[in-house]
Amino acid sequence: MRRFEFQILGHNRIVGLINDDSTEVGRVHLGVVHVVQLPAAEATKRESAITEVEFLTPAELRAERESLETWSQICLDHLEEILGS
């Protein structure tokens, strides 16, 4: 099991799991869906491979849906349920 660390300054809750056997990655990984309520809409990148950090509205995300990874598409397709849970 790979260990990872991250820092979240806000309220974090797990709202679901993603088991997606439709992709090679999905067949060997389990996704954990978190909802994080932040005190402010601010984020900072901590990896050089990340070139941009920004928050998008649900409409902006839907416009970019096809460019998202599969798990992000699944979350976006169920966004209202996720946020309402």
PDB file of N, CA and C in Angstrom:
ATOM      1  N   MET A   1       0.841  -1.167   0.000  1.00  0.00           N
ATOM      2  CA  MET A   1       0.000   0.000   0.000  1.00  0.00           C
ATOM      3  C   MET A   1       0.892   1.237   0.000  1.00  0.00           C
ATOM      4  N   ARG A   2       0.597   2.172  -0.858  1.00  0.00           N
ATOM      5  CA  ARG A   2       1.369   3.402  -0.934  1.00  0.00           C
ATOM      6  C   ARG A   2       0.846   4.399   0.094  1.00  0.00           C
ATOM      7  N   ARG A   3       1.750   5.034   0.785  1.00  0.00           N
ATOM      8  CA  ARG A   3       1.383   6.025   1.780  1.00  0.00           C
ATOM      9  C   ARG A   3       1.423   7.397   1.141  1.00  0.00           C
ATOM     10  N   PHE A   4       0.452   8.238   1.475  1.00  0.00           N
ATOM     11  CA  PHE A   4       0.455   9.594   0.945  1.00  0.00           C
ATOM     12  C   PHE A   4       0.046  10.566   2.041  1.00  0.00           C
ATOM     13  N   GLU A   5       0.431  11.806   1.838  1.00  0.00           N
ATOM     14  CA  GLU A   5       0.105  12.840   2.805  1.00  0.00           C
ATOM     15  C   GLU A   5      -0.500  14.031   2.086  1.00  0.00           C
ATOM     16  N   PHE A   6      -1.460  14.663   2.736  1.00  0.00           N
ATOM     17  CA  PHE A   6      -2.007  15.896   2.208  1.00  0.00           C
ATOM     18  C   PHE A   6      -2.532  16.706   3.380  1.00  0.00           C
ATOM     19  N   GLN A   7      -2.676  17.983   3.151  1.00  0.00           N
ATOM     20  CA  GLN A   7      -3.147  18.866   4.198  1.00  0.00           C
ATOM     21  C   GLN A   7      -4.437  19.516   3.737  1.00  0.00           C
ATOM     22  N   ILE A   8      -5.481  19.367   4.525  1.00  0.00           N
ATOM     23  CA  ILE A   8      -6.755  19.996   4.226  1.00  0.00           C
ATOM     24  C   ILE A   8      -7.116  20.868   5.411  1.00  0.00           C
ATOM     25  N   LEU A   9      -7.277  22.147   5.138  1.00  0.00           N
ATOM     26  CA  LEU A   9      -7.688  23.087   6.172  1.00  0.00           C
ATOM     27  C   LEU A   9      -9.170  23.353   5.983  1.00  0.00           C
ATOM     28  N   GLY A  10      -9.983  22.491   6.522  1.00  0.00           N
ATOM     29  CA  GLY A  10     -11.424  22.609   6.385  1.00  0.00           C
ATOM     30  C   GLY A  10     -12.083  21.321   6.822  1.00  0.00           C
ATOM     31  N   HIS A  11     -13.399  21.274   6.690  1.00  0.00           N
ATOM     32  CA  HIS A  11     -14.167  20.093   7.082  1.00  0.00           C
ATOM     33  C   HIS A  11     -14.138  19.078   5.943  1.00  0.00           C
ATOM     34  N   ASN A  12     -13.713  17.856   6.228  1.00  0.00           N
ATOM     35  CA  ASN A  12     -13.564  16.799   5.233  1.00  0.00           C
ATOM     36  C   ASN A  12     -14.454  15.623   5.620  1.00  0.00           C
ATOM     37  N   ARG A  13     -15.251  15.140   4.639  1.00  0.00           N
ATOM     38  CA  ARG A  13     -16.044  13.941   4.902  1.00  0.00           C
ATOM     39  C   ARG A  13     -16.015  13.020   3.686  1.00  0.00           C
ATOM     40  N   ILE A  14     -15.979  11.745   3.943  1.00  0.00           N
ATOM     41  CA  ILE A  14     -16.014  10.738   2.882  1.00  0.00           C
ATOM     42  C   ILE A  14     -17.475  10.451   2.580  1.00  0.00           C
ATOM     43  N   VAL A  15     -17.834  10.535   1.288  1.00  0.00           N
ATOM     44  CA  VAL A  15     -19.238  10.367   0.906  1.00  0.00           C
ATOM     45  C   VAL A  15     -19.466   9.168  -0.010  1.00  0.00           C
ATOM     46  N   GLY A  16     -18.408   8.513  -0.456  1.00  0.00           N
ATOM     47  CA  GLY A  16     -18.614   7.367  -1.322  1.00  0.00           C
ATOM     48  C   GLY A  16     -17.327   6.727  -1.780  1.00  0.00           C
ATOM     49  N   LEU A  17     -17.497   5.610  -2.469  1.00  0.00           N
ATOM     50  CA  LEU A  17     -16.388   4.876  -3.061  1.00  0.00           C
ATOM     51  C   LEU A  17     -16.674   4.680  -4.540  1.00  0.00           C
ATOM     52  N   ILE A  18     -15.619   4.623  -5.354  1.00  0.00           N
ATOM     53  CA  ILE A  18     -15.768   4.364  -6.783  1.00  0.00           C
ATOM     54  C   ILE A  18     -15.052   3.063  -7.116  1.00  0.00           C
ATOM     55  N   ASN A  19     -15.818   2.126  -7.650  1.00  0.00           N
ATOM     56  CA  ASN A  19     -15.270   0.870  -8.160  1.00  0.00           C
ATOM     57  C   ASN A  19     -15.616   0.842  -9.639  1.00  0.00           C
ATOM     58  N   ASP A  20     -14.659   1.155 -10.486  1.00  0.00           N
ATOM     59  CA  ASP A  20     -14.899   1.298 -11.924  1.00  0.00           C
ATOM     60  C   ASP A  20     -14.035   0.303 -12.682  1.00  0.00           C
ATOM     61  N   ASP A  21     -14.651  -0.765 -13.145  1.00  0.00           N
ATOM     62  CA  ASP A  21     -13.912  -1.783 -13.886  1.00  0.00           C
ATOM     63  C   ASP A  21     -13.834  -1.503 -15.386  1.00  0.00           C
ATOM     64  N   SER A  22     -14.245  -0.312 -15.818  1.00  0.00           N
ATOM     65  CA  SER A  22     -14.260  -0.009 -17.251  1.00  0.00           C
ATOM     66  C   SER A  22     -12.898   0.425 -17.791  1.00  0.00           C
ATOM     67  N   THR A  23     -11.947   0.722 -16.893  1.00  0.00           N
ATOM     68  CA  THR A  23     -10.612   1.122 -17.343  1.00  0.00           C
ATOM     69  C   THR A  23      -9.566   0.239 -16.680  1.00  0.00           C
ATOM     70  N   GLU A  24      -8.387   0.204 -17.278  1.00  0.00           N
ATOM     71  CA  GLU A  24      -7.286  -0.590 -16.729  1.00  0.00           C
ATOM     72  C   GLU A  24      -6.935  -0.121 -15.315  1.00  0.00           C
ATOM     73  N   VAL A  25      -6.877   1.189 -15.116  1.00  0.00           N
ATOM     74  CA  VAL A  25      -6.565   1.737 -13.791  1.00  0.00           C
ATOM     75  C   VAL A  25      -7.685   1.425 -12.814  1.00  0.00           C
ATOM     76  N   GLY A  26      -8.921   1.609 -13.244  1.00  0.00           N
ATOM     77  CA  GLY A  26     -10.065   1.367 -12.375  1.00  0.00           C
ATOM     78  C   GLY A  26     -10.180  -0.070 -11.902  1.00  0.00           C
ATOM     79  N   ARG A  27      -9.721  -1.001 -12.715  1.00  0.00           N
ATOM     80  CA  ARG A  27      -9.800  -2.415 -12.339  1.00  0.00           C
ATOM     81  C   ARG A  27      -8.896  -2.761 -11.161  1.00  0.00           C
ATOM     82  N   VAL A  28      -7.867  -1.961 -10.902  1.00  0.00           N
ATOM     83  CA  VAL A  28      -6.918  -2.290  -9.828  1.00  0.00           C
ATOM     84  C   VAL A  28      -6.873  -1.232  -8.720  1.00  0.00           C
ATOM     85  N   HIS A  29      -7.766  -0.238  -8.799  1.00  0.00           N
ATOM     86  CA  HIS A  29      -7.804   0.808  -7.773  1.00  0.00           C
ATOM     87  C   HIS A  29      -9.237   1.038  -7.294  1.00  0.00           C
ATOM     88  N   LEU A  30      -9.354   1.529  -6.097  1.00  0.00           N
ATOM     89  CA  LEU A  30     -10.630   1.919  -5.522  1.00  0.00           C
ATOM     90  C   LEU A  30     -10.567   3.413  -5.253  1.00  0.00           C
ATOM     91  N   GLY A  31     -11.561   4.148  -5.697  1.00  0.00           N
ATOM     92  CA  GLY A  31     -11.589   5.592  -5.475  1.00  0.00           C
ATOM     93  C   GLY A  31     -12.371   5.933  -4.220  1.00  0.00           C
ATOM     94  N   VAL A  32     -11.881   6.897  -3.468  1.00  0.00           N
ATOM     95  CA  VAL A  32     -12.566   7.394  -2.279  1.00  0.00           C
ATOM     96  C   VAL A  32     -13.005   8.828  -2.579  1.00  0.00           C
ATOM     97  N   VAL A  33     -14.306   9.080  -2.453  1.00  0.00           N
ATOM     98  CA  VAL A  33     -14.861  10.397  -2.775  1.00  0.00           C
ATOM     99  C   VAL A  33     -14.990  11.203  -1.490  1.00  0.00           C
ATOM    100  N   HIS A  34     -14.342  12.359  -1.480  1.00  0.00           N
ATOM    101  CA  HIS A  34     -14.379  13.269  -0.334  1.00  0.00           C
ATOM    102  C   HIS A  34     -15.132  14.537  -0.714  1.00  0.00           C
ATOM    103  N   VAL A  35     -15.814  15.128   0.247  1.00  0.00           N
ATOM    104  CA  VAL A  35     -16.341  16.485   0.113  1.00  0.00           C
ATOM    105  C   VAL A  35     -15.607  17.303   1.169  1.00  0.00           C
ATOM    106  N   VAL A  36     -14.992  18.387   0.723  1.00  0.00           N
ATOM    107  CA  VAL A  36     -14.215  19.242   1.619  1.00  0.00           C
ATOM    108  C   VAL A  36     -14.815  20.636   1.594  1.00  0.00           C
ATOM    109  N   GLN A  37     -15.162  21.144   2.763  1.00  0.00           N
ATOM    110  CA  GLN A  37     -15.644  22.514   2.876  1.00  0.00           C
ATOM    111  C   GLN A  37     -14.474  23.371   3.361  1.00  0.00           C
ATOM    112  N   LEU A  38     -14.040  24.283   2.505  1.00  0.00           N
ATOM    113  CA  LEU A  38     -12.889  25.128   2.810  1.00  0.00           C
ATOM    114  C   LEU A  38     -13.339  26.463   3.387  1.00  0.00           C
ATOM    115  N   PRO A  39     -12.525  27.077   4.222  1.00  0.00           N
ATOM    116  CA  PRO A  39     -12.876  28.399   4.746  1.00  0.00           C
ATOM    117  C   PRO A  39     -12.815  29.484   3.671  1.00  0.00           C
ATOM    118  N   ALA A  40     -12.047  29.254   2.604  1.00  0.00           N
ATOM    119  CA  ALA A  40     -11.937  30.213   1.495  1.00  0.00           C
ATOM    120  C   ALA A  40     -11.636  29.433   0.221  1.00  0.00           C
ATOM    121  N   ALA A  41     -12.013  29.992  -0.917  1.00  0.00           N
ATOM    122  CA  ALA A  41     -11.773  29.336  -2.214  1.00  0.00           C
ATOM    123  C   ALA A  41     -10.341  29.597  -2.663  1.00  0.00           C
ATOM    124  N   GLU A  42      -9.402  28.998  -1.933  1.00  0.00           N
ATOM    125  CA  GLU A  42      -7.985  29.172  -2.222  1.00  0.00           C
ATOM    126  C   GLU A  42      -7.306  27.806  -2.212  1.00  0.00           C
ATOM    127  N   ALA A  43      -6.361  27.620  -3.119  1.00  0.00           N
ATOM    128  CA  ALA A  43      -5.581  26.386  -3.165  1.00  0.00           C
ATOM    129  C   ALA A  43      -4.176  26.716  -3.626  1.00  0.00           C
ATOM    130  N   THR A  44      -3.230  25.925  -3.184  1.00  0.00           N
ATOM    131  CA  THR A  44      -1.833  26.128  -3.551  1.00  0.00           C
ATOM    132  C   THR A  44      -1.276  24.831  -4.097  1.00  0.00           C
ATOM    133  N   LYS A  45      -0.582  24.913  -5.224  1.00  0.00           N
ATOM    134  CA  LYS A  45       0.035  23.707  -5.779  1.00  0.00           C
ATOM    135  C   LYS A  45       1.299  23.395  -4.997  1.00  0.00           C
ATOM    136  N   ARG A  46       1.557  22.103  -4.848  1.00  0.00           N
ATOM    137  CA  ARG A  46       2.728  21.668  -4.091  1.00  0.00           C
ATOM    138  C   ARG A  46       3.621  20.750  -4.908  1.00  0.00           C
ATOM    139  N   GLU A  47       3.266  20.550  -6.189  1.00  0.00           N
ATOM    140  CA  GLU A  47       4.053  19.683  -7.063  1.00  0.00           C
ATOM    141  C   GLU A  47       4.392  20.446  -8.335  1.00  0.00           C
ATOM    142  N   SER A  48       5.611  20.282  -8.816  1.00  0.00           N
ATOM    143  CA  SER A  48       6.032  20.996 -10.025  1.00  0.00           C
ATOM    144  C   SER A  48       5.278  20.525 -11.268  1.00  0.00           C
ATOM    145  N   ALA A  49       4.772  19.288 -11.253  1.00  0.00           N
ATOM    146  CA  ALA A  49       4.035  18.768 -12.412  1.00  0.00           C
ATOM    147  C   ALA A  49       2.671  19.426 -12.569  1.00  0.00           C
ATOM    148  N   ILE A  50       2.152  20.017 -11.492  1.00  0.00           N
ATOM    149  CA  ILE A  50       0.872  20.714 -11.558  1.00  0.00           C
ATOM    150  C   ILE A  50       1.143  22.127 -12.052  1.00  0.00           C
ATOM    151  N   THR A  51       0.494  22.502 -13.154  1.00  0.00           N
ATOM    152  CA  THR A  51       0.765  23.817 -13.741  1.00  0.00           C
ATOM    153  C   THR A  51      -0.256  24.870 -13.338  1.00  0.00           C
ATOM    154  N   GLU A  52      -1.485  24.452 -13.009  1.00  0.00           N
ATOM    155  CA  GLU A  52      -2.526  25.408 -12.637  1.00  0.00           C
ATOM    156  C   GLU A  52      -3.346  24.858 -11.483  1.00  0.00           C
ATOM    157  N   VAL A  53      -3.817  25.750 -10.634  1.00  0.00           N
ATOM    158  CA  VAL A  53      -4.744  25.393  -9.574  1.00  0.00           C
ATOM    159  C   VAL A  53      -5.856  26.430  -9.592  1.00  0.00           C
ATOM    160  N   GLU A  54      -7.087  25.962  -9.795  1.00  0.00           N
ATOM    161  CA  GLU A  54      -8.216  26.880  -9.783  1.00  0.00           C
ATOM    162  C   GLU A  54      -9.491  26.128  -9.463  1.00  0.00           C
ATOM    163  N   PHE A  55     -10.485  26.842  -8.975  1.00  0.00           N
ATOM    164  CA  PHE A  55     -11.794  26.273  -8.725  1.00  0.00           C
ATOM    165  C   PHE A  55     -12.688  26.603  -9.908  1.00  0.00           C
ATOM    166  N   LEU A  56     -13.516  25.631 -10.312  1.00  0.00           N
ATOM    167  CA  LEU A  56     -14.443  25.823 -11.414  1.00  0.00           C
ATOM    168  C   LEU A  56     -15.865  25.638 -10.911  1.00  0.00           C
ATOM    169  N   THR A  57     -16.794  26.310 -11.562  1.00  0.00           N
ATOM    170  CA  THR A  57     -18.203  26.126 -11.232  1.00  0.00           C
ATOM    171  C   THR A  57     -18.671  24.787 -11.813  1.00  0.00           C
ATOM    172  N   PRO A  58     -19.789  24.258 -11.328  1.00  0.00           N
ATOM    173  CA  PRO A  58     -20.316  23.023 -11.938  1.00  0.00           C
ATOM    174  C   PRO A  58     -20.538  23.171 -13.444  1.00  0.00           C
ATOM    175  N   ALA A  59     -21.016  24.299 -13.903  1.00  0.00           N
ATOM    176  CA  ALA A  59     -21.228  24.503 -15.343  1.00  0.00           C
ATOM    177  C   ALA A  59     -19.905  24.458 -16.101  1.00  0.00           C
ATOM    178  N   GLU A  60     -18.864  25.068 -15.551  1.00  0.00           N
ATOM    179  CA  GLU A  60     -17.545  25.039 -16.194  1.00  0.00           C
ATOM    180  C   GLU A  60     -16.994  23.611 -16.233  1.00  0.00           C
ATOM    181  N   LEU A  61     -17.209  22.861 -15.159  1.00  0.00           N
ATOM    182  CA  LEU A  61     -16.764  21.464 -15.131  1.00  0.00           C
ATOM    183  C   LEU A  61     -17.494  20.635 -16.180  1.00  0.00           C
ATOM    184  N   ARG A  62     -18.812  20.837 -16.298  1.00  0.00           N
ATOM    185  CA  ARG A  62     -19.581  20.078 -17.293  1.00  0.00           C
ATOM    186  C   ARG A  62     -19.103  20.379 -18.707  1.00  0.00           C
ATOM    187  N   ALA A  63     -18.712  21.614 -18.962  1.00  0.00           N
ATOM    188  CA  ALA A  63     -18.204  21.989 -20.283  1.00  0.00           C
ATOM    189  C   ALA A  63     -16.882  21.293 -20.586  1.00  0.00           C
ATOM    190  N   GLU A  64     -16.134  20.919 -19.561  1.00  0.00           N
ATOM    191  CA  GLU A  64     -14.839  20.263 -19.713  1.00  0.00           C
ATOM    192  C   GLU A  64     -14.909  18.765 -19.443  1.00  0.00           C
ATOM    193  N   ARG A  65     -16.110  18.216 -19.291  1.00  0.00           N
ATOM    194  CA  ARG A  65     -16.289  16.832 -18.836  1.00  0.00           C
ATOM    195  C   ARG A  65     -15.444  15.819 -19.604  1.00  0.00           C
ATOM    196  N   GLU A  66     -15.418  15.896 -20.911  1.00  0.00           N
ATOM    197  CA  GLU A  66     -14.716  14.890 -21.714  1.00  0.00           C
ATOM    198  C   GLU A  66     -13.202  14.927 -21.510  1.00  0.00           C
ATOM    199  N   SER A  67     -12.666  16.018 -20.989  1.00  0.00           N
ATOM    200  CA  SER A  67     -11.219  16.097 -20.744  1.00  0.00           C
ATOM    201  C   SER A  67     -10.851  15.606 -19.338  1.00  0.00           C
ATOM    202  N   LEU A  68     -11.850  15.284 -18.529  1.00  0.00           N
ATOM    203  CA  LEU A  68     -11.601  14.822 -17.163  1.00  0.00           C
ATOM    204  C   LEU A  68     -11.306  13.327 -17.139  1.00  0.00           C
ATOM    205  N   GLU A  69     -10.615  12.885 -16.103  1.00  0.00           N
ATOM    206  CA  GLU A  69     -10.381  11.465 -15.905  1.00  0.00           C
ATOM    207  C   GLU A  69     -11.701  10.789 -15.542  1.00  0.00           C
ATOM    208  N   THR A  70     -11.771   9.480 -15.718  1.00  0.00           N
ATOM    209  CA  THR A  70     -13.014   8.727 -15.537  1.00  0.00           C
ATOM    210  C   THR A  70     -13.640   8.951 -14.156  1.00  0.00           C
ATOM    211  N   TRP A  71     -12.842   8.870 -13.104  1.00  0.00           N
ATOM    212  CA  TRP A  71     -13.407   9.040 -11.762  1.00  0.00           C
ATOM    213  C   TRP A  71     -13.985  10.438 -11.581  1.00  0.00           C
ATOM    214  N   SER A  72     -13.328  11.439 -12.148  1.00  0.00           N
ATOM    215  CA  SER A  72     -13.856  12.803 -12.068  1.00  0.00           C
ATOM    216  C   SER A  72     -15.164  12.924 -12.835  1.00  0.00           C
ATOM    217  N   GLN A  73     -15.265  12.246 -13.976  1.00  0.00           N
ATOM    218  CA  GLN A  73     -16.514  12.240 -14.740  1.00  0.00           C
ATOM    219  C   GLN A  73     -17.637  11.596 -13.922  1.00  0.00           C
ATOM    220  N   ILE A  74     -17.332  10.495 -13.258  1.00  0.00           N
ATOM    221  CA  ILE A  74     -18.336   9.815 -12.431  1.00  0.00           C
ATOM    222  C   ILE A  74     -18.814  10.744 -11.324  1.00  0.00           C
ATOM    223  N   CYS A  75     -17.888  11.409 -10.661  1.00  0.00           N
ATOM    224  CA  CYS A  75     -18.266  12.345  -9.592  1.00  0.00           C
ATOM    225  C   CYS A  75     -19.098  13.494 -10.146  1.00  0.00           C
ATOM    226  N   LEU A  76     -18.690  14.034 -11.275  1.00  0.00           N
ATOM    227  CA  LEU A  76     -19.426  15.143 -11.878  1.00  0.00           C
ATOM    228  C   LEU A  76     -20.841  14.711 -12.244  1.00  0.00           C
ATOM    229  N   ASP A  77     -20.995  13.508 -12.789  1.00  0.00           N
ATOM    230  CA  ASP A  77     -22.314  13.007 -13.171  1.00  0.00           C
ATOM    231  C   ASP A  77     -23.244  12.848 -11.966  1.00  0.00           C
ATOM    232  N   HIS A  78     -22.673  12.733 -10.775  1.00  0.00           N
ATOM    233  CA  HIS A  78     -23.461  12.546  -9.550  1.00  0.00           C
ATOM    234  C   HIS A  78     -23.248  13.684  -8.553  1.00  0.00           C
ATOM    235  N   LEU A  79     -22.842  14.846  -9.044  1.00  0.00           N
ATOM    236  CA  LEU A  79     -22.458  15.964  -8.170  1.00  0.00           C
ATOM    237  C   LEU A  79     -23.563  16.378  -7.209  1.00  0.00           C
ATOM    238  N   GLU A  80     -24.801  16.505  -7.697  1.00  0.00           N
ATOM    239  CA  GLU A  80     -25.886  16.928  -6.814  1.00  0.00           C
ATOM    240  C   GLU A  80     -26.101  15.925  -5.690  1.00  0.00           C
ATOM    241  N   GLU A  81     -26.026  14.629  -6.014  1.00  0.00           N
ATOM    242  CA  GLU A  81     -26.162  13.596  -4.971  1.00  0.00           C
ATOM    243  C   GLU A  81     -25.014  13.677  -3.964  1.00  0.00           C
ATOM    244  N   ILE A  82     -23.809  13.871  -4.468  1.00  0.00           N
ATOM    245  CA  ILE A  82     -22.627  13.938  -3.601  1.00  0.00           C
ATOM    246  C   ILE A  82     -22.723  15.122  -2.651  1.00  0.00           C
ATOM    247  N   LEU A  83     -23.078  16.270  -3.167  1.00  0.00           N
ATOM    248  CA  LEU A  83     -23.137  17.468  -2.338  1.00  0.00           C
ATOM    249  C   LEU A  83     -24.325  17.445  -1.388  1.00  0.00           C
ATOM    250  N   GLY A  84     -25.360  16.692  -1.746  1.00  0.00           N
ATOM    251  CA  GLY A  84     -26.531  16.599  -0.893  1.00  0.00           C
ATOM    252  C   GLY A  84     -26.417  15.558   0.197  1.00  0.00           C
ATOM    253  N   SER A  85     -25.379  14.729   0.102  1.00  0.00           N
ATOM    254  CA  SER A  85     -25.256  13.643   1.097  1.00  0.00           C
ATOM    255  C   SER A  85     -24.693  14.121   2.408  1.00  0.00           C
TER     256      SER A  85
END
